């Protein structure tokens, strides 16, 4: 994610769908998503440096009643570009999902 850019990514599975929109702003990043996942599903968001592949942050967000989720993450370094990965960790879920990992984009 770069400053002032917007990205979209998604995953379709026979039983579930997830789609996220990433807005890269100068001081922070906003990730908004919609899914067919059950309410309260834990989504782990990892932030990596693009050039060094160093993990700089991990955040957890839960899906709302309608499957939406939103998280705002402060940028560690405004001049740095980052990669973001969203993960569904099956052992952290209150209800069973049929897929458990969404790789970085």
PDB file of N, CA and C in Angstrom:
ATOM      1  N   UNK A   1       0.836  -1.148   0.000  1.00  0.00           N
ATOM      2  CA  UNK A   1       0.000   0.000   0.000  1.00  0.00           C
ATOM      3  C   UNK A   1       0.895   1.228   0.000  1.00  0.00           C
ATOM      4  N   UNK A   2       0.588   2.125  -0.858  1.00  0.00           N
ATOM      5  CA  UNK A   2       1.367   3.339  -0.997  1.00  0.00           C
ATOM      6  C   UNK A   2       0.496   4.525  -0.606  1.00  0.00           C
ATOM      7  N   UNK A   3       1.139   5.650  -0.358  1.00  0.00           N
ATOM      8  CA  UNK A   3       0.405   6.861  -0.010  1.00  0.00           C
ATOM      9  C   UNK A   3      -0.624   7.202  -1.074  1.00  0.00           C
ATOM     10  N   UNK A   4      -1.802   7.613  -0.625  1.00  0.00           N
ATOM     11  CA  UNK A   4      -2.841   8.142  -1.507  1.00  0.00           C
ATOM     12  C   UNK A   4      -3.284   7.159  -2.595  1.00  0.00           C
ATOM     13  N   UNK A   5      -3.189   5.865  -2.349  1.00  0.00           N
ATOM     14  CA  UNK A   5      -3.642   4.876  -3.314  1.00  0.00           C
ATOM     15  C   UNK A   5      -4.720   4.006  -2.692  1.00  0.00           C
ATOM     16  N   UNK A   6      -5.490   3.376  -3.568  1.00  0.00           N
ATOM     17  CA  UNK A   6      -6.567   2.508  -3.120  1.00  0.00           C
ATOM     18  C   UNK A   6      -6.449   1.176  -3.839  1.00  0.00           C
ATOM     19  N   UNK A   7      -6.640   0.097  -3.101  1.00  0.00           N
ATOM     20  CA  UNK A   7      -6.562  -1.245  -3.660  1.00  0.00           C
ATOM     21  C   UNK A   7      -7.810  -2.011  -3.264  1.00  0.00           C
ATOM     22  N   UNK A   8      -8.137  -3.010  -4.049  1.00  0.00           N
ATOM     23  CA  UNK A   8      -9.241  -3.906  -3.714  1.00  0.00           C
ATOM     24  C   UNK A   8      -8.786  -5.333  -3.992  1.00  0.00           C
ATOM     25  N   UNK A   9      -9.214  -6.250  -3.145  1.00  0.00           N
ATOM     26  CA  UNK A   9      -8.896  -7.659  -3.327  1.00  0.00           C
ATOM     27  C   UNK A   9     -10.045  -8.473  -2.765  1.00  0.00           C
ATOM     28  N   UNK A  10     -10.177  -9.683  -3.253  1.00  0.00           N
ATOM     29  CA  UNK A  10     -11.263 -10.513  -2.756  1.00  0.00           C
ATOM     30  C   UNK A  10     -10.991 -11.980  -2.950  1.00  0.00           C
ATOM     31  N   UNK A  11     -11.797 -12.777  -2.318  1.00  0.00           N
ATOM     32  CA  UNK A  11     -11.715 -14.218  -2.413  1.00  0.00           C
ATOM     33  C   UNK A  11     -13.129 -14.768  -2.424  1.00  0.00           C
ATOM     34  N   UNK A  12     -13.410 -15.587  -3.395  1.00  0.00           N
ATOM     35  CA  UNK A  12     -14.710 -16.256  -3.455  1.00  0.00           C
ATOM     36  C   UNK A  12     -14.506 -17.739  -3.221  1.00  0.00           C
ATOM     37  N   UNK A  13     -15.272 -18.298  -2.347  1.00  0.00           N
ATOM     38  CA  UNK A  13     -15.239 -19.712  -1.996  1.00  0.00           C
ATOM     39  C   UNK A  13     -16.673 -20.194  -2.178  1.00  0.00           C
ATOM     40  N   UNK A  14     -16.876 -21.461  -2.452  1.00  0.00           N
ATOM     41  CA  UNK A  14     -18.264 -21.916  -2.650  1.00  0.00           C
ATOM     42  C   UNK A  14     -19.233 -21.522  -1.536  1.00  0.00           C
ATOM     43  N   UNK A  15     -18.755 -21.443  -0.288  1.00  0.00           N
ATOM     44  CA  UNK A  15     -19.654 -21.137   0.822  1.00  0.00           C
ATOM     45  C   UNK A  15     -19.495 -19.736   1.389  1.00  0.00           C
ATOM     46  N   UNK A  16     -18.356 -19.076   1.124  1.00  0.00           N
ATOM     47  CA  UNK A  16     -18.091 -17.784   1.744  1.00  0.00           C
ATOM     48  C   UNK A  16     -17.363 -16.851   0.780  1.00  0.00           C
ATOM     49  N   UNK A  17     -17.546 -15.566   1.012  1.00  0.00           N
ATOM     50  CA  UNK A  17     -16.915 -14.533   0.201  1.00  0.00           C
ATOM     51  C   UNK A  17     -16.356 -13.469   1.130  1.00  0.00           C
ATOM     52  N   UNK A  18     -15.211 -12.910   0.744  1.00  0.00           N
ATOM     53  CA  UNK A  18     -14.645 -11.790   1.480  1.00  0.00           C
ATOM     54  C   UNK A  18     -14.040 -10.829   0.463  1.00  0.00           C
ATOM     55  N   UNK A  19     -14.257  -9.543   0.680  1.00  0.00           N
ATOM     56  CA  UNK A  19     -13.725  -8.503  -0.204  1.00  0.00           C
ATOM     57  C   UNK A  19     -13.265  -7.349   0.676  1.00  0.00           C
ATOM     58  N   UNK A  20     -12.063  -6.834   0.391  1.00  0.00           N
ATOM     59  CA  UNK A  20     -11.505  -5.747   1.198  1.00  0.00           C
ATOM     60  C   UNK A  20     -11.046  -4.611   0.299  1.00  0.00           C
ATOM     61  N   UNK A  21     -11.219  -3.406   0.793  1.00  0.00           N
ATOM     62  CA  UNK A  21     -10.761  -2.191   0.115  1.00  0.00           C
ATOM     63  C   UNK A  21      -9.753  -1.522   1.024  1.00  0.00           C
ATOM     64  N   UNK A  22      -8.580  -1.243   0.497  1.00  0.00           N
ATOM     65  CA  UNK A  22      -7.506  -0.648   1.274  1.00  0.00           C
ATOM     66  C   UNK A  22      -7.256   0.756   0.760  1.00  0.00           C
ATOM     67  N   UNK A  23      -7.324   1.730   1.649  1.00  0.00           N
ATOM     68  CA  UNK A  23      -7.090   3.126   1.308  1.00  0.00           C
ATOM     69  C   UNK A  23      -5.791   3.560   1.980  1.00  0.00           C
ATOM     70  N   UNK A  24      -4.743   3.768   1.186  1.00  0.00           N
ATOM     71  CA  UNK A  24      -3.454   4.213   1.712  1.00  0.00           C
ATOM     72  C   UNK A  24      -3.428   5.725   1.800  1.00  0.00           C
ATOM     73  N   UNK A  25      -3.373   6.254   2.999  1.00  0.00           N
ATOM     74  CA  UNK A  25      -3.340   7.688   3.249  1.00  0.00           C
ATOM     75  C   UNK A  25      -1.977   8.053   3.840  1.00  0.00           C
ATOM     76  N   UNK A  26      -1.602   9.320   3.854  1.00  0.00           N
ATOM     77  CA  UNK A  26      -0.265   9.695   4.319  1.00  0.00           C
ATOM     78  C   UNK A  26       0.088   9.223   5.730  1.00  0.00           C
ATOM     79  N   UNK A  27      -0.853   9.299   6.673  1.00  0.00           N
ATOM     80  CA  UNK A  27      -0.543   8.954   8.063  1.00  0.00           C
ATOM     81  C   UNK A  27      -1.091   7.612   8.522  1.00  0.00           C
ATOM     82  N   UNK A  28      -2.006   7.044   7.772  1.00  0.00           N
ATOM     83  CA  UNK A  28      -2.604   5.782   8.167  1.00  0.00           C
ATOM     84  C   UNK A  28      -3.200   5.069   6.952  1.00  0.00           C
ATOM     85  N   UNK A  29      -3.645   3.860   7.203  1.00  0.00           N
ATOM     86  CA  UNK A  29      -4.296   3.040   6.189  1.00  0.00           C
ATOM     87  C   UNK A  29      -5.644   2.624   6.752  1.00  0.00           C
ATOM     88  N   UNK A  30      -6.666   2.681   5.919  1.00  0.00           N
ATOM     89  CA  UNK A  30      -7.993   2.232   6.323  1.00  0.00           C
ATOM     90  C   UNK A  30      -8.344   1.012   5.484  1.00  0.00           C
ATOM     91  N   UNK A  31      -8.731  -0.064   6.151  1.00  0.00           N
ATOM     92  CA  UNK A  31      -9.168  -1.282   5.466  1.00  0.00           C
ATOM     93  C   UNK A  31     -10.635  -1.474   5.787  1.00  0.00           C
ATOM     94  N   UNK A  32     -11.452  -1.492   4.743  1.00  0.00           N
ATOM     95  CA  UNK A  32     -12.893  -1.730   4.887  1.00  0.00           C
ATOM     96  C   UNK A  32     -13.231  -2.983   4.090  1.00  0.00           C
ATOM     97  N   UNK A  33     -14.044  -3.830   4.680  1.00  0.00           N
ATOM     98  CA  UNK A  33     -14.359  -5.063   3.991  1.00  0.00           C
ATOM     99  C   UNK A  33     -15.794  -5.487   4.194  1.00  0.00           C
ATOM    100  N   UNK A  34     -16.206  -6.403   3.337  1.00  0.00           N
ATOM    101  CA  UNK A  34     -17.531  -7.020   3.403  1.00  0.00           C
ATOM    102  C   UNK A  34     -17.318  -8.518   3.196  1.00  0.00           C
ATOM    103  N   UNK A  35     -18.079  -9.308   3.916  1.00  0.00           N
ATOM    104  CA  UNK A  35     -17.923 -10.750   3.794  1.00  0.00           C
ATOM    105  C   UNK A  35     -19.248 -11.443   4.073  1.00  0.00           C
ATOM    106  N   UNK A  36     -19.252 -12.719   3.777  1.00  0.00           N
ATOM    107  CA  UNK A  36     -20.399 -13.550   4.158  1.00  0.00           C
ATOM    108  C   UNK A  36     -20.058 -14.375   5.397  1.00  0.00           C
ATOM    109  N   UNK A  37     -18.994 -13.975   6.096  1.00  0.00           N
ATOM    110  CA  UNK A  37     -18.564 -14.686   7.295  1.00  0.00           C
ATOM    111  C   UNK A  37     -19.511 -14.411   8.462  1.00  0.00           C
ATOM    112  N   UNK A  38     -19.585 -15.338   9.412  1.00  0.00           N
ATOM    113  CA  UNK A  38     -20.466 -15.143  10.569  1.00  0.00           C
ATOM    114  C   UNK A  38     -20.039 -13.941  11.410  1.00  0.00           C
ATOM    115  N   UNK A  39     -20.982 -13.344  12.109  1.00  0.00           N
ATOM    116  CA  UNK A  39     -20.699 -12.224  12.996  1.00  0.00           C
ATOM    117  C   UNK A  39     -19.649 -12.645  14.019  1.00  0.00           C
ATOM    118  N   UNK A  40     -18.708 -11.751  14.285  1.00  0.00           N
ATOM    119  CA  UNK A  40     -17.671 -12.025  15.264  1.00  0.00           C
ATOM    120  C   UNK A  40     -16.476 -12.789  14.749  1.00  0.00           C
ATOM    121  N   UNK A  41     -16.445 -13.095  13.445  1.00  0.00           N
ATOM    122  CA  UNK A  41     -15.279 -13.780  12.886  1.00  0.00           C
ATOM    123  C   UNK A  41     -14.043 -12.911  13.075  1.00  0.00           C
ATOM    124  N   UNK A  42     -12.978 -13.484  13.615  1.00  0.00           N
ATOM    125  CA  UNK A  42     -11.719 -12.769  13.824  1.00  0.00           C
ATOM    126  C   UNK A  42     -10.913 -12.764  12.529  1.00  0.00           C
ATOM    127  N   UNK A  43     -10.535 -11.580  12.081  1.00  0.00           N
ATOM    128  CA  UNK A  43      -9.661 -11.434  10.922  1.00  0.00           C
ATOM    129  C   UNK A  43      -8.364 -10.816  11.419  1.00  0.00           C
ATOM    130  N   UNK A  44      -7.246 -11.489  11.194  1.00  0.00           N
ATOM    131  CA  UNK A  44      -5.934 -10.997  11.600  1.00  0.00           C
ATOM    132  C   UNK A  44      -5.323 -10.277  10.407  1.00  0.00           C
ATOM    133  N   UNK A  45      -4.885  -9.042  10.631  1.00  0.00           N
ATOM    134  CA  UNK A  45      -4.280  -8.232   9.572  1.00  0.00           C
ATOM    135  C   UNK A  45      -2.813  -8.037   9.917  1.00  0.00           C
ATOM    136  N   UNK A  46      -1.948  -8.494   9.027  1.00  0.00           N
ATOM    137  CA  UNK A  46      -0.511  -8.318   9.207  1.00  0.00           C
ATOM    138  C   UNK A  46      -0.019  -7.255   8.251  1.00  0.00           C
ATOM    139  N   UNK A  47       0.898  -6.411   8.722  1.00  0.00           N
ATOM    140  CA  UNK A  47       1.494  -5.355   7.910  1.00  0.00           C
ATOM    141  C   UNK A  47       2.992  -5.642   7.817  1.00  0.00           C
ATOM    142  N   UNK A  48       3.493  -5.714   6.576  1.00  0.00           N
ATOM    143  CA  UNK A  48       4.893  -6.040   6.291  1.00  0.00           C
ATOM    144  C   UNK A  48       5.538  -4.911   5.497  1.00  0.00           C
ATOM    145  N   UNK A  49       6.831  -4.671   5.723  1.00  0.00           N
ATOM    146  CA  UNK A  49       7.544  -3.723   4.868  1.00  0.00           C
ATOM    147  C   UNK A  49       7.705  -4.366   3.500  1.00  0.00           C
ATOM    148  N   UNK A  50       7.546  -3.572   2.460  1.00  0.00           N
ATOM    149  CA  UNK A  50       7.609  -4.107   1.105  1.00  0.00           C
ATOM    150  C   UNK A  50       9.030  -4.495   0.709  1.00  0.00           C
ATOM    151  N   UNK A  51      10.011  -3.695   1.094  1.00  0.00           N
ATOM    152  CA  UNK A  51      11.376  -3.960   0.646  1.00  0.00           C
ATOM    153  C   UNK A  51      12.117  -4.991   1.496  1.00  0.00           C
ATOM    154  N   UNK A  52      11.882  -5.037   2.804  1.00  0.00           N
ATOM    155  CA  UNK A  52      12.621  -5.939   3.688  1.00  0.00           C
ATOM    156  C   UNK A  52      11.816  -7.161   4.111  1.00  0.00           C
ATOM    157  N   UNK A  53      10.527  -7.146   3.886  1.00  0.00           N
ATOM    158  CA  UNK A  53       9.685  -8.256   4.313  1.00  0.00           C
ATOM    159  C   UNK A  53       9.645  -8.412   5.823  1.00  0.00           C
ATOM    160  N   UNK A  54       9.726  -7.313   6.544  1.00  0.00           N
ATOM    161  CA  UNK A  54       9.730  -7.307   8.004  1.00  0.00           C
ATOM    162  C   UNK A  54       8.312  -7.048   8.516  1.00  0.00           C
ATOM    163  N   UNK A  55       7.853  -7.890   9.444  1.00  0.00           N
ATOM    164  CA  UNK A  55       6.540  -7.700  10.045  1.00  0.00           C
ATOM    165  C   UNK A  55       6.596  -6.490  10.973  1.00  0.00           C
ATOM    166  N   UNK A  56       5.745  -5.487  10.712  1.00  0.00           N
ATOM    167  CA  UNK A  56       5.756  -4.269  11.527  1.00  0.00           C
ATOM    168  C   UNK A  56       4.484  -4.108  12.358  1.00  0.00           C
ATOM    169  N   UNK A  57       3.492  -4.942  12.132  1.00  0.00           N
ATOM    170  CA  UNK A  57       2.279  -4.822  12.919  1.00  0.00           C
ATOM    171  C   UNK A  57       1.319  -5.965  12.672  1.00  0.00           C
ATOM    172  N   UNK A  58       0.530  -6.269  13.697  1.00  0.00           N
ATOM    173  CA  UNK A  58      -0.516  -7.283  13.589  1.00  0.00           C
ATOM    174  C   UNK A  58      -1.734  -6.734  14.318  1.00  0.00           C
ATOM    175  N   UNK A  59      -2.870  -6.767  13.667  1.00  0.00           N
ATOM    176  CA  UNK A  59      -4.104  -6.211  14.204  1.00  0.00           C
ATOM    177  C   UNK A  59      -5.218  -7.234  14.021  1.00  0.00           C
ATOM    178  N   UNK A  60      -6.179  -7.227  14.929  1.00  0.00           N
ATOM    179  CA  UNK A  60      -7.325  -8.122  14.815  1.00  0.00           C
ATOM    180  C   UNK A  60      -8.593  -7.292  14.737  1.00  0.00           C
ATOM    181  N   UNK A  61      -9.474  -7.671  13.828  1.00  0.00           N
ATOM    182  CA  UNK A  61     -10.765  -7.011  13.678  1.00  0.00           C
ATOM    183  C   UNK A  61     -11.821  -8.114  13.599  1.00  0.00           C
ATOM    184  N   UNK A  62     -13.023  -7.819  14.067  1.00  0.00           N
ATOM    185  CA  UNK A  62     -14.121  -8.788  14.035  1.00  0.00           C
ATOM    186  C   UNK A  62     -15.189  -8.329  13.053  1.00  0.00           C
ATOM    187  N   UNK A  63     -15.803  -9.281  12.376  1.00  0.00           N
ATOM    188  CA  UNK A  63     -16.891  -8.947  11.467  1.00  0.00           C
ATOM    189  C   UNK A  63     -18.117  -8.510  12.264  1.00  0.00           C
ATOM    190  N   UNK A  64     -18.845  -7.569  11.697  1.00  0.00           N
ATOM    191  CA  UNK A  64     -20.088  -7.087  12.302  1.00  0.00           C
ATOM    192  C   UNK A  64     -21.238  -8.018  11.915  1.00  0.00           C
ATOM    193  N   UNK A  65     -22.431  -7.688  12.355  1.00  0.00           N
ATOM    194  CA  UNK A  65     -23.610  -8.509  12.104  1.00  0.00           C
ATOM    195  C   UNK A  65     -23.846  -8.756  10.613  1.00  0.00           C
ATOM    196  N   UNK A  66     -23.574  -7.734   9.781  1.00  0.00           N
ATOM    197  CA  UNK A  66     -23.808  -7.861   8.339  1.00  0.00           C
ATOM    198  C   UNK A  66     -22.565  -8.298   7.569  1.00  0.00           C
ATOM    199  N   UNK A  67     -21.498  -8.698   8.263  1.00  0.00           N
ATOM    200  CA  UNK A  67     -20.281  -9.176   7.605  1.00  0.00           C
ATOM    201  C   UNK A  67     -19.248  -8.103   7.337  1.00  0.00           C
ATOM    202  N   UNK A  68     -19.573  -6.844   7.620  1.00  0.00           N
ATOM    203  CA  UNK A  68     -18.622  -5.746   7.402  1.00  0.00           C
ATOM    204  C   UNK A  68     -17.524  -5.752   8.460  1.00  0.00           C
ATOM    205  N   UNK A  69     -16.373  -5.209   8.089  1.00  0.00           N
ATOM    206  CA  UNK A  69     -15.301  -4.966   9.053  1.00  0.00           C
ATOM    207  C   UNK A  69     -14.516  -3.739   8.606  1.00  0.00           C
ATOM    208  N   UNK A  70     -13.977  -3.000   9.566  1.00  0.00           N
ATOM    209  CA  UNK A  70     -13.186  -1.798   9.293  1.00  0.00           C
ATOM    210  C   UNK A  70     -12.080  -1.702  10.331  1.00  0.00           C
ATOM    211  N   UNK A  71     -10.893  -1.338   9.880  1.00  0.00           N
ATOM    212  CA  UNK A  71      -9.782  -1.107  10.783  1.00  0.00           C
ATOM    213  C   UNK A  71      -8.932   0.032  10.228  1.00  0.00           C
ATOM    214  N   UNK A  72      -8.414   0.865  11.125  1.00  0.00           N
ATOM    215  CA  UNK A  72      -7.507   1.946  10.746  1.00  0.00           C
ATOM    216  C   UNK A  72      -6.156   1.646  11.381  1.00  0.00           C
ATOM    217  N   UNK A  73      -5.100   1.676  10.573  1.00  0.00           N
ATOM    218  CA  UNK A  73      -3.757   1.345  11.033  1.00  0.00           C
ATOM    219  C   UNK A  73      -2.841   2.529  10.761  1.00  0.00           C
ATOM    220  N   UNK A  74      -2.141   2.970  11.801  1.00  0.00           N
ATOM    221  CA  UNK A  74      -1.185   4.067  11.632  1.00  0.00           C
ATOM    222  C   UNK A  74       0.018   3.580  10.823  1.00  0.00           C
ATOM    223  N   UNK A  75       0.534   4.456   9.958  1.00  0.00           N
ATOM    224  CA  UNK A  75       1.732   4.132   9.185  1.00  0.00           C
ATOM    225  C   UNK A  75       2.963   4.336  10.064  1.00  0.00           C
ATOM    226  N   UNK A  76       3.821   3.336  10.153  1.00  0.00           N
ATOM    227  CA  UNK A  76       5.043   3.438  10.940  1.00  0.00           C
ATOM    228  C   UNK A  76       5.989   4.478  10.337  1.00  0.00           C
ATOM    229  N   UNK A  77       6.120   4.467   9.016  1.00  0.00           N
ATOM    230  CA  UNK A  77       7.014   5.390   8.312  1.00  0.00           C
ATOM    231  C   UNK A  77       6.299   5.845   7.042  1.00  0.00           C
ATOM    232  N   UNK A  78       6.048   7.124   6.936  1.00  0.00           N
ATOM    233  CA  UNK A  78       5.280   7.645   5.794  1.00  0.00           C
ATOM    234  C   UNK A  78       5.967   7.400   4.461  1.00  0.00           C
ATOM    235  N   UNK A  79       7.290   7.284   4.445  1.00  0.00           N
ATOM    236  CA  UNK A  79       8.008   7.099   3.186  1.00  0.00           C
ATOM    237  C   UNK A  79       8.085   5.628   2.767  1.00  0.00           C
ATOM    238  N   UNK A  80       7.697   4.734   3.653  1.00  0.00           N
ATOM    239  CA  UNK A  80       7.791   3.293   3.405  1.00  0.00           C
ATOM    240  C   UNK A  80       6.530   2.776   2.717  1.00  0.00           C
ATOM    241  N   UNK A  81       6.704   1.783   1.830  1.00  0.00           N
ATOM    242  CA  UNK A  81       5.573   1.078   1.240  1.00  0.00           C
ATOM    243  C   UNK A  81       5.391  -0.236   2.003  1.00  0.00           C
ATOM    244  N   UNK A  82       4.132  -0.684   2.130  1.00  0.00           N
ATOM    245  CA  UNK A  82       3.825  -1.855   2.944  1.00  0.00           C
ATOM    246  C   UNK A  82       2.990  -2.868   2.178  1.00  0.00           C
ATOM    247  N   UNK A  83       3.074  -4.124   2.611  1.00  0.00           N
ATOM    248  CA  UNK A  83       2.202  -5.198   2.147  1.00  0.00           C
ATOM    249  C   UNK A  83       1.268  -5.548   3.294  1.00  0.00           C
ATOM    250  N   UNK A  84       0.039  -5.916   2.954  1.00  0.00           N
ATOM    251  CA  UNK A  84      -0.953  -6.263   3.966  1.00  0.00           C
ATOM    252  C   UNK A  84      -1.480  -7.655   3.661  1.00  0.00           C
ATOM    253  N   UNK A  85      -1.595  -8.483   4.698  1.00  0.00           N
ATOM    254  CA  UNK A  85      -2.227  -9.790   4.516  1.00  0.00           C
ATOM    255  C   UNK A  85      -3.359  -9.930   5.526  1.00  0.00           C
ATOM    256  N   UNK A  86      -4.437 -10.542   5.084  1.00  0.00           N
ATOM    257  CA  UNK A  86      -5.578 -10.822   5.944  1.00  0.00           C
ATOM    258  C   UNK A  86      -5.637 -12.326   6.148  1.00  0.00           C
ATOM    259  N   UNK A  87      -5.759 -12.747   7.402  1.00  0.00           N
ATOM    260  CA  UNK A  87      -5.796 -14.172   7.720  1.00  0.00           C
ATOM    261  C   UNK A  87      -7.037 -14.493   8.547  1.00  0.00           C
ATOM    262  N   UNK A  88      -7.595 -15.642   8.264  1.00  0.00           N
ATOM    263  CA  UNK A  88      -8.667 -16.199   9.084  1.00  0.00           C
ATOM    264  C   UNK A  88      -8.069 -17.410   9.786  1.00  0.00           C
ATOM    265  N   UNK A  89      -7.840 -17.283  11.062  1.00  0.00           N
ATOM    266  CA  UNK A  89      -7.222 -18.358  11.837  1.00  0.00           C
ATOM    267  C   UNK A  89      -8.325 -19.244  12.409  1.00  0.00           C
ATOM    268  N   UNK A  90      -8.419 -20.467  11.928  1.00  0.00           N
ATOM    269  CA  UNK A  90      -9.541 -21.330  12.300  1.00  0.00           C
ATOM    270  C   UNK A  90      -9.623 -21.576  13.805  1.00  0.00           C
ATOM    271  N   UNK A  91      -8.507 -21.634  14.513  1.00  0.00           N
ATOM    272  CA  UNK A  91      -8.534 -21.909  15.952  1.00  0.00           C
ATOM    273  C   UNK A  91      -9.015 -20.708  16.772  1.00  0.00           C
ATOM    274  N   UNK A  92      -9.161 -19.533  16.140  1.00  0.00           N
ATOM    275  CA  UNK A  92      -9.617 -18.341  16.852  1.00  0.00           C
ATOM    276  C   UNK A  92     -11.092 -18.022  16.599  1.00  0.00           C
ATOM    277  N   UNK A  93     -11.787 -18.850  15.856  1.00  0.00           N
ATOM    278  CA  UNK A  93     -13.148 -18.534  15.446  1.00  0.00           C
ATOM    279  C   UNK A  93     -14.173 -19.108  16.411  1.00  0.00           C
ATOM    280  N   UNK A  94     -15.268 -18.363  16.584  1.00  0.00           N
ATOM    281  CA  UNK A  94     -16.368 -18.862  17.404  1.00  0.00           C
ATOM    282  C   UNK A  94     -17.289 -19.765  16.598  1.00  0.00           C
ATOM    283  N   UNK A  95     -17.337 -19.557  15.283  1.00  0.00           N
ATOM    284  CA  UNK A  95     -18.123 -20.396  14.390  1.00  0.00           C
ATOM    285  C   UNK A  95     -17.207 -20.916  13.303  1.00  0.00           C
ATOM    286  N   UNK A  96     -17.500 -22.101  12.775  1.00  0.00           N
ATOM    287  CA  UNK A  96     -16.635 -22.739  11.792  1.00  0.00           C
ATOM    288  C   UNK A  96     -16.738 -22.062  10.428  1.00  0.00           C
ATOM    289  N   UNK A  97     -15.570 -21.772   9.838  1.00  0.00           N
ATOM    290  CA  UNK A  97     -15.472 -21.289   8.468  1.00  0.00           C
ATOM    291  C   UNK A  97     -14.816 -22.382   7.633  1.00  0.00           C
ATOM    292  N   UNK A  98     -15.058 -22.387   6.339  1.00  0.00           N
ATOM    293  CA  UNK A  98     -14.503 -23.451   5.511  1.00  0.00           C
ATOM    294  C   UNK A  98     -13.160 -23.093   4.902  1.00  0.00           C
ATOM    295  N   UNK A  99     -12.745 -21.834   4.943  1.00  0.00           N
ATOM    296  CA  UNK A  99     -11.378 -21.510   4.519  1.00  0.00           C
ATOM    297  C   UNK A  99     -10.686 -20.759   5.639  1.00  0.00           C
ATOM    298  N   UNK A 100      -9.343 -20.804   5.662  1.00  0.00           N
ATOM    299  CA  UNK A 100      -8.657 -20.266   6.837  1.00  0.00           C
ATOM    300  C   UNK A 100      -7.528 -19.294   6.514  1.00  0.00           C
ATOM    301  N   UNK A 101      -7.208 -18.994   5.262  1.00  0.00           N
ATOM    302  CA  UNK A 101      -6.094 -18.098   4.991  1.00  0.00           C
ATOM    303  C   UNK A 101      -6.328 -17.307   3.709  1.00  0.00           C
ATOM    304  N   UNK A 102      -6.037 -16.031   3.776  1.00  0.00           N
ATOM    305  CA  UNK A 102      -6.102 -15.181   2.600  1.00  0.00           C
ATOM    306  C   UNK A 102      -4.732 -14.546   2.429  1.00  0.00           C
ATOM    307  N   UNK A 103      -3.959 -14.929   1.417  1.00  0.00           N
ATOM    308  CA  UNK A 103      -2.572 -14.462   1.311  1.00  0.00           C
ATOM    309  C   UNK A 103      -2.466 -12.963   1.005  1.00  0.00           C
ATOM    310  N   UNK A 104      -1.278 -12.440   1.189  1.00  0.00           N
ATOM    311  CA  UNK A 104      -1.003 -11.023   0.930  1.00  0.00           C
ATOM    312  C   UNK A 104      -1.236 -10.678  -0.529  1.00  0.00           C
ATOM    313  N   UNK A 105      -1.549  -9.430  -0.773  1.00  0.00           N
ATOM    314  CA  UNK A 105      -1.665  -8.950  -2.145  1.00  0.00           C
ATOM    315  C   UNK A 105      -0.871  -7.676  -2.267  1.00  0.00           C
TER     316      UNK A 105
END
